[in-house]
PDB file of N, CA and C in Angstrom:
ATOM      1  N   MET A   1     -35.971 -58.100 -90.774  1.00  0.00           N
ATOM      2  CA  MET A   1     -36.438 -58.221 -89.409  1.00  0.00           C
ATOM      3  C   MET A   1     -37.139 -59.569 -89.227  1.00  0.00           C
ATOM      4  N   ASN A   2     -36.941 -60.123 -88.044  1.00  0.00           N
ATOM      5  CA  ASN A   2     -37.558 -61.408 -87.699  1.00  0.00           C
ATOM      6  C   ASN A   2     -38.420 -61.244 -86.455  1.00  0.00           C
ATOM      7  N   PHE A   3     -39.372 -62.153 -86.288  1.00  0.00           N
ATOM      8  CA  PHE A   3     -40.147 -62.181 -85.060  1.00  0.00           C
ATOM      9  C   PHE A   3     -39.278 -62.853 -83.995  1.00  0.00           C
ATOM     10  N   VAL A   4     -39.141 -62.199 -82.834  1.00  0.00           N
ATOM     11  CA  VAL A   4     -38.315 -62.710 -81.740  1.00  0.00           C
ATOM     12  C   VAL A   4     -39.186 -62.809 -80.499  1.00  0.00           C
ATOM     13  N   LYS A   5     -39.091 -63.946 -79.794  1.00  0.00           N
ATOM     14  CA  LYS A   5     -39.815 -64.141 -78.544  1.00  0.00           C
ATOM     15  C   LYS A   5     -38.814 -64.611 -77.500  1.00  0.00           C
ATOM     16  N   LEU A   6     -38.618 -63.802 -76.463  1.00  0.00           N
ATOM     17  CA  LEU A   6     -37.635 -64.095 -75.426  1.00  0.00           C
ATOM     18  C   LEU A   6     -38.344 -64.477 -74.136  1.00  0.00           C
ATOM     19  N   GLU A   7     -38.010 -65.646 -73.610  1.00  0.00           N
ATOM     20  CA  GLU A   7     -38.565 -66.102 -72.341  1.00  0.00           C
ATOM     21  C   GLU A   7     -37.931 -65.333 -71.195  1.00  0.00           C
ATOM     22  N   ARG A   8     -38.706 -65.113 -70.109  1.00  0.00           N
ATOM     23  CA  ARG A   8     -38.210 -64.388 -68.941  1.00  0.00           C
ATOM     24  C   ARG A   8     -38.646 -65.113 -67.668  1.00  0.00           C
ATOM     25  N   THR A   9     -37.724 -65.223 -66.705  1.00  0.00           N
ATOM     26  CA  THR A   9     -38.030 -65.868 -65.433  1.00  0.00           C
ATOM     27  C   THR A   9     -39.034 -65.016 -64.664  1.00  0.00           C
ATOM     28  N   GLY A  10     -40.176 -65.624 -64.304  1.00  0.00           N
ATOM     29  CA  GLY A  10     -41.171 -64.942 -63.485  1.00  0.00           C
ATOM     30  C   GLY A  10     -41.988 -63.887 -64.199  1.00  0.00           C
ATOM     31  N   LYS A  11     -41.837 -63.747 -65.511  1.00  0.00           N
ATOM     32  CA  LYS A  11     -42.582 -62.746 -66.281  1.00  0.00           C
ATOM     33  C   LYS A  11     -43.046 -63.368 -67.592  1.00  0.00           C
ATOM     34  N   SER A  12     -43.969 -62.677 -68.233  1.00  0.00           N
ATOM     35  CA  SER A  12     -44.407 -63.133 -69.550  1.00  0.00           C
ATOM     36  C   SER A  12     -43.283 -62.897 -70.567  1.00  0.00           C
ATOM     37  N   PRO A  13     -43.283 -63.658 -71.662  1.00  0.00           N
ATOM     38  CA  PRO A  13     -42.248 -63.475 -72.678  1.00  0.00           C
ATOM     39  C   PRO A  13     -42.285 -62.070 -73.285  1.00  0.00           C
ATOM     40  N   LEU A  14     -41.152 -61.644 -73.808  1.00  0.00           N
ATOM     41  CA  LEU A  14     -41.039 -60.361 -74.498  1.00  0.00           C
ATOM     42  C   LEU A  14     -40.942 -60.678 -75.992  1.00  0.00           C
ATOM     43  N   ALA A  15     -41.911 -60.195 -76.760  1.00  0.00           N
ATOM     44  CA  ALA A  15     -41.965 -60.489 -78.194  1.00  0.00           C
ATOM     45  C   ALA A  15     -41.896 -59.192 -78.991  1.00  0.00           C
ATOM     46  N   PHE A  16     -41.186 -59.251 -80.138  1.00  0.00           N
ATOM     47  CA  PHE A  16     -41.014 -58.062 -80.969  1.00  0.00           C
ATOM     48  C   PHE A  16     -40.483 -58.483 -82.338  1.00  0.00           C
ATOM     49  N   GLU A  17     -40.516 -57.542 -83.280  1.00  0.00           N
ATOM     50  CA  GLU A  17     -39.864 -57.724 -84.565  1.00  0.00           C
ATOM     51  C   GLU A  17     -38.520 -57.031 -84.495  1.00  0.00           C
ATOM     52  N   GLY A  18     -37.454 -57.759 -84.815  1.00  0.00           N
ATOM     53  CA  GLY A  18     -36.136 -57.149 -84.729  1.00  0.00           C
ATOM     54  C   GLY A  18     -35.056 -58.045 -85.295  1.00  0.00           C
ATOM     55  N   GLN A  19     -33.818 -57.614 -85.051  1.00  0.00           N
ATOM     56  CA  GLN A  19     -32.684 -58.412 -85.519  1.00  0.00           C
ATOM     57  C   GLN A  19     -31.591 -58.419 -84.456  1.00  0.00           C
ATOM     58  N   LEU A  20     -30.798 -59.475 -84.476  1.00  0.00           N
ATOM     59  CA  LEU A  20     -29.708 -59.648 -83.535  1.00  0.00           C
ATOM     60  C   LEU A  20     -28.571 -58.700 -83.881  1.00  0.00           C
ATOM     61  N   LEU A  21     -28.084 -57.961 -82.859  1.00  0.00           N
ATOM     62  CA  LEU A  21     -26.933 -57.071 -83.037  1.00  0.00           C
ATOM     63  C   LEU A  21     -25.642 -57.729 -82.581  1.00  0.00           C
ATOM     64  N   SER A  22     -25.714 -58.397 -81.422  1.00  0.00           N
ATOM     65  CA  SER A  22     -24.506 -58.924 -80.800  1.00  0.00           C
ATOM     66  C   SER A  22     -24.872 -60.076 -79.880  1.00  0.00           C
ATOM     67  N   GLU A  23     -23.970 -61.053 -79.786  1.00  0.00           N
ATOM     68  CA  GLU A  23     -24.154 -62.172 -78.870  1.00  0.00           C
ATOM     69  C   GLU A  23     -22.821 -62.487 -78.214  1.00  0.00           C
ATOM     70  N   THR A  24     -22.836 -62.612 -76.894  1.00  0.00           N
ATOM     71  CA  THR A  24     -21.645 -62.950 -76.119  1.00  0.00           C
ATOM     72  C   THR A  24     -21.981 -64.147 -75.246  1.00  0.00           C
ATOM     73  N   ARG A  25     -21.099 -65.137 -75.237  1.00  0.00           N
ATOM     74  CA  ARG A  25     -21.317 -66.359 -74.460  1.00  0.00           C
ATOM     75  C   ARG A  25     -20.086 -66.693 -73.640  1.00  0.00           C
ATOM     76  N   THR A  26     -20.333 -67.395 -72.547  1.00  0.00           N
ATOM     77  CA  THR A  26     -19.221 -68.013 -71.833  1.00  0.00           C
ATOM     78  C   THR A  26     -19.231 -69.494 -72.182  1.00  0.00           C
ATOM     79  N   SER A  27     -18.145 -70.155 -71.833  1.00  0.00           N
ATOM     80  CA  SER A  27     -18.010 -71.587 -72.085  1.00  0.00           C
ATOM     81  C   SER A  27     -17.902 -72.327 -70.757  1.00  0.00           C
ATOM     82  N   ARG A  28     -18.316 -73.571 -70.730  1.00  0.00           N
ATOM     83  CA  ARG A  28     -18.158 -74.392 -69.528  1.00  0.00           C
ATOM     84  C   ARG A  28     -16.846 -75.156 -69.525  1.00  0.00           C
ATOM     85  N   HIS A  29     -16.060 -75.003 -70.575  1.00  0.00           N
ATOM     86  CA  HIS A  29     -14.795 -75.725 -70.716  1.00  0.00           C
ATOM     87  C   HIS A  29     -13.647 -74.897 -70.139  1.00  0.00           C
ATOM     88  N   PRO A  30     -12.961 -75.426 -69.124  1.00  0.00           N
ATOM     89  CA  PRO A  30     -11.910 -74.673 -68.415  1.00  0.00           C
ATOM     90  C   PRO A  30     -10.792 -74.121 -69.298  1.00  0.00           C
ATOM     91  N   LEU A  31     -10.488 -74.755 -70.410  1.00  0.00           N
ATOM     92  CA  LEU A  31      -9.398 -74.289 -71.263  1.00  0.00           C
ATOM     93  C   LEU A  31      -9.838 -73.245 -72.288  1.00  0.00           C
ATOM     94  N   HIS A  32     -11.139 -73.000 -72.374  1.00  0.00           N
ATOM     95  CA  HIS A  32     -11.651 -72.001 -73.313  1.00  0.00           C
ATOM     96  C   HIS A  32     -11.353 -70.606 -72.773  1.00  0.00           C
ATOM     97  N   PRO A  33     -10.951 -69.647 -73.641  1.00  0.00           N
ATOM     98  CA  PRO A  33     -10.644 -68.288 -73.160  1.00  0.00           C
ATOM     99  C   PRO A  33     -11.845 -67.576 -72.520  1.00  0.00           C
ATOM    100  N   ARG A  34     -13.042 -68.014 -72.819  1.00  0.00           N
ATOM    101  CA  ARG A  34     -14.231 -67.405 -72.222  1.00  0.00           C
ATOM    102  C   ARG A  34     -14.914 -68.371 -71.252  1.00  0.00           C
ATOM    103  N   PHE A  35     -14.110 -69.111 -70.528  1.00  0.00           N
ATOM    104  CA  PHE A  35     -14.600 -70.040 -69.507  1.00  0.00           C
ATOM    105  C   PHE A  35     -15.412 -69.264 -68.478  1.00  0.00           C
ATOM    106  N   SER A  36     -16.582 -69.795 -68.112  1.00  0.00           N
ATOM    107  CA  SER A  36     -17.485 -69.117 -67.173  1.00  0.00           C
ATOM    108  C   SER A  36     -16.967 -69.117 -65.744  1.00  0.00           C
ATOM    109  N   GLY A  37     -15.998 -69.959 -65.459  1.00  0.00           N
ATOM    110  CA  GLY A  37     -15.496 -70.085 -64.093  1.00  0.00           C
ATOM    111  C   GLY A  37     -16.090 -71.281 -63.378  1.00  0.00           C
ATOM    112  N   LYS A  38     -17.132 -71.877 -63.963  1.00  0.00           N
ATOM    113  CA  LYS A  38     -17.767 -73.067 -63.395  1.00  0.00           C
ATOM    114  C   LYS A  38     -18.137 -74.006 -64.535  1.00  0.00           C
ATOM    115  N   VAL A  39     -17.834 -75.292 -64.384  1.00  0.00           N
ATOM    116  CA  VAL A  39     -18.083 -76.240 -65.477  1.00  0.00           C
ATOM    117  C   VAL A  39     -19.571 -76.513 -65.691  1.00  0.00           C
ATOM    118  N   ASN A  40     -20.419 -76.153 -64.739  1.00  0.00           N
ATOM    119  CA  ASN A  40     -21.851 -76.419 -64.903  1.00  0.00           C
ATOM    120  C   ASN A  40     -22.653 -75.167 -65.292  1.00  0.00           C
ATOM    121  N   ILE A  41     -21.983 -74.034 -65.519  1.00  0.00           N
ATOM    122  CA  ILE A  41     -22.682 -72.783 -65.834  1.00  0.00           C
ATOM    123  C   ILE A  41     -22.297 -72.267 -67.223  1.00  0.00           C
ATOM    124  N   VAL A  42     -23.302 -71.892 -67.995  1.00  0.00           N
ATOM    125  CA  VAL A  42     -23.103 -71.242 -69.288  1.00  0.00           C
ATOM    126  C   VAL A  42     -23.945 -69.964 -69.269  1.00  0.00           C
ATOM    127  N   GLU A  43     -23.355 -68.855 -69.701  1.00  0.00           N
ATOM    128  CA  GLU A  43     -24.062 -67.571 -69.723  1.00  0.00           C
ATOM    129  C   GLU A  43     -24.093 -67.025 -71.149  1.00  0.00           C
ATOM    130  N   ARG A  44     -25.168 -66.295 -71.443  1.00  0.00           N
ATOM    131  CA  ARG A  44     -25.288 -65.678 -72.765  1.00  0.00           C
ATOM    132  C   ARG A  44     -25.960 -64.321 -72.621  1.00  0.00           C
ATOM    133  N   ILE A  45     -25.417 -63.346 -73.322  1.00  0.00           N
ATOM    134  CA  ILE A  45     -26.032 -62.018 -73.436  1.00  0.00           C
ATOM    135  C   ILE A  45     -26.232 -61.747 -74.919  1.00  0.00           C
ATOM    136  N   ARG A  46     -27.444 -61.336 -75.269  1.00  0.00           N
ATOM    137  CA  ARG A  46     -27.715 -60.946 -76.652  1.00  0.00           C
ATOM    138  C   ARG A  46     -28.358 -59.567 -76.663  1.00  0.00           C
ATOM    139  N   PHE A  47     -28.005 -58.794 -77.683  1.00  0.00           N
ATOM    140  CA  PHE A  47     -28.609 -57.487 -77.923  1.00  0.00           C
ATOM    141  C   PHE A  47     -29.327 -57.544 -79.257  1.00  0.00           C
ATOM    142  N   PHE A  48     -30.556 -57.061 -79.266  1.00  0.00           N
ATOM    143  CA  PHE A  48     -31.358 -56.967 -80.479  1.00  0.00           C
ATOM    144  C   PHE A  48     -31.714 -55.502 -80.703  1.00  0.00           C
ATOM    145  N   VAL A  49     -32.048 -55.158 -81.932  1.00  0.00           N
ATOM    146  CA  VAL A  49     -32.637 -53.857 -82.225  1.00  0.00           C
ATOM    147  C   VAL A  49     -33.998 -54.136 -82.865  1.00  0.00           C
ATOM    148  N   THR A  50     -35.024 -53.434 -82.362  1.00  0.00           N
ATOM    149  CA  THR A  50     -36.370 -53.624 -82.903  1.00  0.00           C
ATOM    150  C   THR A  50     -36.541 -52.801 -84.170  1.00  0.00           C
ATOM    151  N   LYS A  51     -37.627 -53.036 -84.866  1.00  0.00           N
ATOM    152  CA  LYS A  51     -37.877 -52.264 -86.091  1.00  0.00           C
ATOM    153  C   LYS A  51     -38.057 -50.783 -85.790  1.00  0.00           C
ATOM    154  N   ASN A  52     -38.344 -50.435 -84.528  1.00  0.00           N
ATOM    155  CA  ASN A  52     -38.493 -49.030 -84.112  1.00  0.00           C
ATOM    156  C   ASN A  52     -37.210 -48.458 -83.529  1.00  0.00           C
ATOM    157  N   GLY A  53     -36.111 -49.215 -83.575  1.00  0.00           N
ATOM    158  CA  GLY A  53     -34.829 -48.723 -83.090  1.00  0.00           C
ATOM    159  C   GLY A  53     -34.589 -48.885 -81.598  1.00  0.00           C
ATOM    160  N   ILE A  54     -35.459 -49.616 -80.915  1.00  0.00           N
ATOM    161  CA  ILE A  54     -35.288 -49.865 -79.478  1.00  0.00           C
ATOM    162  C   ILE A  54     -34.314 -51.025 -79.293  1.00  0.00           C
ATOM    163  N   ILE A  55     -33.447 -50.905 -78.290  1.00  0.00           N
ATOM    164  CA  ILE A  55     -32.488 -51.962 -77.980  1.00  0.00           C
ATOM    165  C   ILE A  55     -33.113 -52.924 -76.980  1.00  0.00           C
ATOM    166  N   VAL A  56     -33.010 -54.218 -77.238  1.00  0.00           N
ATOM    167  CA  VAL A  56     -33.507 -55.239 -76.318  1.00  0.00           C
ATOM    168  C   VAL A  56     -32.322 -56.076 -75.863  1.00  0.00           C
ATOM    169  N   LEU A  57     -32.202 -56.220 -74.553  1.00  0.00           N
ATOM    170  CA  LEU A  57     -31.155 -57.014 -73.933  1.00  0.00           C
ATOM    171  C   LEU A  57     -31.763 -58.317 -73.434  1.00  0.00           C
ATOM    172  N   GLU A  58     -31.101 -59.431 -73.734  1.00  0.00           N
ATOM    173  CA  GLU A  58     -31.488 -60.726 -73.182  1.00  0.00           C
ATOM    174  C   GLU A  58     -30.280 -61.302 -72.451  1.00  0.00           C
ATOM    175  N   SER A  59     -30.495 -61.773 -71.232  1.00  0.00           N
ATOM    176  CA  SER A  59     -29.455 -62.426 -70.455  1.00  0.00           C
ATOM    177  C   SER A  59     -29.975 -63.784 -70.005  1.00  0.00           C
ATOM    178  N   VAL A  60     -29.184 -64.829 -70.241  1.00  0.00           N
ATOM    179  CA  VAL A  60     -29.547 -66.175 -69.815  1.00  0.00           C
ATOM    180  C   VAL A  60     -28.354 -66.774 -69.073  1.00  0.00           C
ATOM    181  N   LYS A  61     -28.617 -67.264 -67.869  1.00  0.00           N
ATOM    182  CA  LYS A  61     -27.611 -67.993 -67.097  1.00  0.00           C
ATOM    183  C   LYS A  61     -28.163 -69.389 -66.890  1.00  0.00           C
ATOM    184  N   LEU A  62     -27.537 -70.356 -67.539  1.00  0.00           N
ATOM    185  CA  LEU A  62     -28.017 -71.734 -67.561  1.00  0.00           C
ATOM    186  C   LEU A  62     -27.180 -72.591 -66.635  1.00  0.00           C
ATOM    187  N   ASP A  63     -27.838 -73.230 -65.676  1.00  0.00           N
ATOM    188  CA  ASP A  63     -27.189 -74.184 -64.782  1.00  0.00           C
ATOM    189  C   ASP A  63     -27.395 -75.570 -65.381  1.00  0.00           C
ATOM    190  N   LEU A  64     -26.338 -76.152 -65.917  1.00  0.00           N
ATOM    191  CA  LEU A  64     -26.454 -77.423 -66.625  1.00  0.00           C
ATOM    192  C   LEU A  64     -26.764 -78.592 -65.698  1.00  0.00           C
ATOM    193  N   GLU A  65     -26.516 -78.435 -64.408  1.00  0.00           N
ATOM    194  CA  GLU A  65     -26.821 -79.498 -63.448  1.00  0.00           C
ATOM    195  C   GLU A  65     -28.250 -79.407 -62.926  1.00  0.00           C
ATOM    196  N   ASN A  66     -28.843 -78.223 -62.996  1.00  0.00           N
ATOM    197  CA  ASN A  66     -30.195 -78.026 -62.497  1.00  0.00           C
ATOM    198  C   ASN A  66     -30.888 -76.986 -63.378  1.00  0.00           C
ATOM    199  N   ILE A  67     -31.506 -77.460 -64.433  1.00  0.00           N
ATOM    200  CA  ILE A  67     -32.123 -76.575 -65.437  1.00  0.00           C
ATOM    201  C   ILE A  67     -33.141 -75.622 -64.806  1.00  0.00           C
ATOM    202  N   GLU A  68     -33.807 -76.041 -63.715  1.00  0.00           N
ATOM    203  CA  GLU A  68     -34.785 -75.164 -63.067  1.00  0.00           C
ATOM    204  C   GLU A  68     -34.140 -73.910 -62.489  1.00  0.00           C
ATOM    205  N   ASN A  69     -32.829 -73.919 -62.292  1.00  0.00           N
ATOM    206  CA  ASN A  69     -32.117 -72.751 -61.763  1.00  0.00           C
ATOM    207  C   ASN A  69     -31.709 -71.770 -62.861  1.00  0.00           C
ATOM    208  N   THR A  70     -32.187 -71.960 -64.065  1.00  0.00           N
ATOM    209  CA  THR A  70     -31.861 -71.067 -65.168  1.00  0.00           C
ATOM    210  C   THR A  70     -32.515 -69.701 -64.954  1.00  0.00           C
ATOM    211  N   ASP A  71     -31.714 -68.644 -65.080  1.00  0.00           N
ATOM    212  CA  ASP A  71     -32.215 -67.276 -64.993  1.00  0.00           C
ATOM    213  C   ASP A  71     -32.341 -66.711 -66.400  1.00  0.00           C
ATOM    214  N   ARG A  72     -33.522 -66.171 -66.713  1.00  0.00           N
ATOM    215  CA  ARG A  72     -33.770 -65.559 -68.021  1.00  0.00           C
ATOM    216  C   ARG A  72     -34.305 -64.147 -67.807  1.00  0.00           C
ATOM    217  N   PHE A  73     -33.656 -63.190 -68.444  1.00  0.00           N
ATOM    218  CA  PHE A  73     -34.016 -61.786 -68.299  1.00  0.00           C
ATOM    219  C   PHE A  73     -34.057 -61.164 -69.683  1.00  0.00           C
ATOM    220  N   ALA A  74     -35.040 -60.305 -69.928  1.00  0.00           N
ATOM    221  CA  ALA A  74     -35.101 -59.536 -71.178  1.00  0.00           C
ATOM    222  C   ALA A  74     -35.806 -58.222 -70.883  1.00  0.00           C
ATOM    223  N   GLN A  75     -35.234 -57.144 -71.411  1.00  0.00           N
ATOM    224  CA  GLN A  75     -35.806 -55.813 -71.188  1.00  0.00           C
ATOM    225  C   GLN A  75     -35.371 -54.890 -72.321  1.00  0.00           C
ATOM    226  N   SER A  76     -36.181 -53.872 -72.568  1.00  0.00           N
ATOM    227  CA  SER A  76     -35.860 -52.905 -73.624  1.00  0.00           C
ATOM    228  C   SER A  76     -35.213 -51.661 -73.039  1.00  0.00           C
ATOM    229  N   TYR A  77     -34.385 -51.006 -73.862  1.00  0.00           N
ATOM    230  CA  TYR A  77     -33.643 -49.800 -73.476  1.00  0.00           C
ATOM    231  C   TYR A  77     -33.602 -48.837 -74.660  1.00  0.00           C
ATOM    232  N   LYS A  78     -33.320 -47.574 -74.363  1.00  0.00           N
ATOM    233  CA  LYS A  78     -33.217 -46.564 -75.420  1.00  0.00           C
ATOM    234  C   LYS A  78     -31.922 -46.692 -76.207  1.00  0.00           C
ATOM    235  N   THR A  79     -30.823 -47.055 -75.503  1.00  0.00           N
ATOM    236  CA  THR A  79     -29.514 -47.153 -76.176  1.00  0.00           C
ATOM    237  C   THR A  79     -28.801 -48.426 -75.749  1.00  0.00           C
ATOM    238  N   ILE A  80     -27.843 -48.836 -76.544  1.00  0.00           N
ATOM    239  CA  ILE A  80     -27.058 -50.010 -76.188  1.00  0.00           C
ATOM    240  C   ILE A  80     -26.188 -49.733 -74.967  1.00  0.00           C
ATOM    241  N   GLU A  81     -25.745 -48.495 -74.811  1.00  0.00           N
ATOM    242  CA  GLU A  81     -24.946 -48.126 -73.635  1.00  0.00           C
ATOM    243  C   GLU A  81     -25.765 -48.286 -72.350  1.00  0.00           C
ATOM    244  N   GLU A  82     -27.015 -47.856 -72.396  1.00  0.00           N
ATOM    245  CA  GLU A  82     -27.908 -48.001 -71.243  1.00  0.00           C
ATOM    246  C   GLU A  82     -28.125 -49.484 -70.921  1.00  0.00           C
ATOM    247  N   ALA A  83     -28.269 -50.311 -71.947  1.00  0.00           N
ATOM    248  CA  ALA A  83     -28.453 -51.753 -71.739  1.00  0.00           C
ATOM    249  C   ALA A  83     -27.206 -52.383 -71.113  1.00  0.00           C
ATOM    250  N   VAL A  84     -26.033 -52.020 -71.613  1.00  0.00           N
ATOM    251  CA  VAL A  84     -24.783 -52.553 -71.056  1.00  0.00           C
ATOM    252  C   VAL A  84     -24.635 -52.124 -69.600  1.00  0.00           C
ATOM    253  N   ASP A  85     -24.918 -50.862 -69.307  1.00  0.00           N
ATOM    254  CA  ASP A  85     -24.827 -50.369 -67.927  1.00  0.00           C
ATOM    255  C   ASP A  85     -25.748 -51.143 -66.992  1.00  0.00           C
ATOM    256  N   SER A  86     -26.916 -51.545 -67.478  1.00  0.00           N
ATOM    257  CA  SER A  86     -27.876 -52.267 -66.630  1.00  0.00           C
ATOM    258  C   SER A  86     -27.351 -53.638 -66.205  1.00  0.00           C
ATOM    259  N   LEU A  87     -26.432 -54.197 -66.970  1.00  0.00           N
ATOM    260  CA  LEU A  87     -25.874 -55.510 -66.625  1.00  0.00           C
ATOM    261  C   LEU A  87     -25.164 -55.490 -65.272  1.00  0.00           C
ATOM    262  N   MET A  88     -24.653 -54.331 -64.887  1.00  0.00           N
ATOM    263  CA  MET A  88     -23.916 -54.223 -63.633  1.00  0.00           C
ATOM    264  C   MET A  88     -24.813 -54.465 -62.415  1.00  0.00           C
ATOM    265  N   ILE A  89     -26.118 -54.253 -62.550  1.00  0.00           N
ATOM    266  CA  ILE A  89     -27.006 -54.429 -61.398  1.00  0.00           C
ATOM    267  C   ILE A  89     -27.759 -55.763 -61.422  1.00  0.00           C
ATOM    268  N   LEU A  90     -27.589 -56.558 -62.461  1.00  0.00           N
ATOM    269  CA  LEU A  90     -28.225 -57.866 -62.509  1.00  0.00           C
ATOM    270  C   LEU A  90     -27.351 -58.860 -61.749  1.00  0.00           C
ATOM    271  N   SER A  91     -27.862 -59.360 -60.643  1.00  0.00           N
ATOM    272  CA  SER A  91     -27.054 -60.194 -59.744  1.00  0.00           C
ATOM    273  C   SER A  91     -26.567 -61.492 -60.384  1.00  0.00           C
ATOM    274  N   PHE A  92     -27.275 -61.989 -61.389  1.00  0.00           N
ATOM    275  CA  PHE A  92     -26.870 -63.261 -61.983  1.00  0.00           C
ATOM    276  C   PHE A  92     -25.918 -63.100 -63.173  1.00  0.00           C
ATOM    277  N   VAL A  93     -25.532 -61.876 -63.512  1.00  0.00           N
ATOM    278  CA  VAL A  93     -24.544 -61.648 -64.574  1.00  0.00           C
ATOM    279  C   VAL A  93     -23.169 -61.531 -63.916  1.00  0.00           C
ATOM    280  N   SER A  94     -22.281 -62.441 -64.264  1.00  0.00           N
ATOM    281  CA  SER A  94     -20.953 -62.438 -63.650  1.00  0.00           C
ATOM    282  C   SER A  94     -20.109 -61.275 -64.167  1.00  0.00           C
ATOM    283  N   ASN A  95     -19.156 -60.856 -63.359  1.00  0.00           N
ATOM    284  CA  ASN A  95     -18.218 -59.809 -63.787  1.00  0.00           C
ATOM    285  C   ASN A  95     -17.465 -60.247 -65.032  1.00  0.00           C
ATOM    286  N   ARG A  96     -17.138 -61.515 -65.091  1.00  0.00           N
ATOM    287  CA  ARG A  96     -16.407 -62.066 -66.239  1.00  0.00           C
ATOM    288  C   ARG A  96     -17.212 -61.870 -67.522  1.00  0.00           C
ATOM    289  N   LEU A  97     -18.488 -62.238 -67.479  1.00  0.00           N
ATOM    290  CA  LEU A  97     -19.350 -62.081 -68.660  1.00  0.00           C
ATOM    291  C   LEU A  97     -19.518 -60.602 -68.999  1.00  0.00           C
ATOM    292  N   TYR A  98     -19.715 -59.769 -67.987  1.00  0.00           N
ATOM    293  CA  TYR A  98     -19.858 -58.337 -68.214  1.00  0.00           C
ATOM    294  C   TYR A  98     -18.644 -57.789 -68.987  1.00  0.00           C
ATOM    295  N   ASN A  99     -17.446 -58.177 -68.585  1.00  0.00           N
ATOM    296  CA  ASN A  99     -16.232 -57.713 -69.270  1.00  0.00           C
ATOM    297  C   ASN A  99     -16.187 -58.194 -70.716  1.00  0.00           C
ATOM    298  N   PHE A 100     -16.617 -59.428 -70.966  1.00  0.00           N
ATOM    299  CA  PHE A 100     -16.673 -59.936 -72.343  1.00  0.00           C
ATOM    300  C   PHE A 100     -17.661 -59.112 -73.174  1.00  0.00           C
ATOM    301  N   VAL A 101     -18.816 -58.782 -72.575  1.00  0.00           N
ATOM    302  CA  VAL A 101     -19.837 -57.997 -73.277  1.00  0.00           C
ATOM    303  C   VAL A 101     -19.301 -56.617 -73.634  1.00  0.00           C
ATOM    304  N   VAL A 102     -18.662 -55.958 -72.673  1.00  0.00           N
ATOM    305  CA  VAL A 102     -18.102 -54.621 -72.932  1.00  0.00           C
ATOM    306  C   VAL A 102     -17.118 -54.686 -74.099  1.00  0.00           C
ATOM    307  N   ASP A 103     -16.276 -55.704 -74.108  1.00  0.00           N
ATOM    308  CA  ASP A 103     -15.310 -55.875 -75.196  1.00  0.00           C
ATOM    309  C   ASP A 103     -16.026 -56.081 -76.537  1.00  0.00           C
ATOM    310  N   ASP A 104     -17.030 -56.958 -76.562  1.00  0.00           N
ATOM    311  CA  ASP A 104     -17.753 -57.239 -77.807  1.00  0.00           C
ATOM    312  C   ASP A 104     -18.542 -56.031 -78.310  1.00  0.00           C
ATOM    313  N   VAL A 105     -19.185 -55.314 -77.409  1.00  0.00           N
ATOM    314  CA  VAL A 105     -19.975 -54.139 -77.815  1.00  0.00           C
ATOM    315  C   VAL A 105     -19.051 -53.024 -78.309  1.00  0.00           C
ATOM    316  N   SER A 106     -17.889 -52.879 -77.686  1.00  0.00           N
ATOM    317  CA  SER A 106     -16.919 -51.877 -78.155  1.00  0.00           C
ATOM    318  C   SER A 106     -16.515 -52.153 -79.599  1.00  0.00           C
ATOM    319  N   LYS A 107     -16.328 -53.423 -79.931  1.00  0.00           N
ATOM    320  CA  LYS A 107     -15.988 -53.797 -81.312  1.00  0.00           C
ATOM    321  C   LYS A 107     -17.163 -53.509 -82.250  1.00  0.00           C
ATOM    322  N   LEU A 108     -18.379 -53.760 -81.772  1.00  0.00           N
ATOM    323  CA  LEU A 108     -19.572 -53.519 -82.566  1.00  0.00           C
ATOM    324  C   LEU A 108     -19.739 -52.031 -82.871  1.00  0.00           C
ATOM    325  N   MET A 109     -19.496 -51.211 -81.843  1.00  0.00           N
ATOM    326  CA  MET A 109     -19.668 -49.762 -81.992  1.00  0.00           C
ATOM    327  C   MET A 109     -18.572 -49.149 -82.855  1.00  0.00           C
ATOM    328  N   GLY A 110     -17.387 -49.732 -82.845  1.00  0.00           N
ATOM    329  CA  GLY A 110     -16.286 -49.226 -83.656  1.00  0.00           C
ATOM    330  C   GLY A 110     -15.639 -48.001 -83.061  1.00  0.00           C
ATOM    331  N   PRO A 111     -14.503 -47.558 -83.636  1.00  0.00           N
ATOM    332  CA  PRO A 111     -13.785 -46.400 -83.113  1.00  0.00           C
ATOM    333  C   PRO A 111     -14.632 -45.127 -83.202  1.00  0.00           C
ATOM    334  N   GLY A 112     -14.631 -44.375 -82.109  1.00  0.00           N
ATOM    335  CA  GLY A 112     -15.318 -43.094 -82.105  1.00  0.00           C
ATOM    336  C   GLY A 112     -16.820 -43.165 -81.955  1.00  0.00           C
ATOM    337  N   LYS A 113     -17.382 -44.372 -81.819  1.00  0.00           N
ATOM    338  CA  LYS A 113     -18.851 -44.518 -81.700  1.00  0.00           C
ATOM    339  C   LYS A 113     -19.294 -44.798 -80.288  1.00  0.00           C
ATOM    340  N   SER A 114     -18.381 -45.111 -79.372  1.00  0.00           N
ATOM    341  CA  SER A 114     -18.803 -45.462 -78.010  1.00  0.00           C
ATOM    342  C   SER A 114     -18.847 -44.259 -77.115  1.00  0.00           C
TER     343      SER A 114
END
């Protein structure tokens, strides 16, 4: 387990002891299979598990042309499924990124675990 400190827009940072479970990113390069749809936007979703078994979701949407427009979100959940479901209501998470996350988490969970 490592000490993790996640910055959040408009809130104090979320700090905990845990480890990274999964990371999904988009690319700003149009020819990349995970292109964000905009050359100036990069998105990242990470899932952590705390030493107490709590799932922590971090979402970052970085505007490369205007760093002040970066959205940072982090929150804890009881299950990874609950965390993935919450992505649907976050206005700054694109449908494209959401679909990539669902695909990556399905692989993480493995057959019969989702």
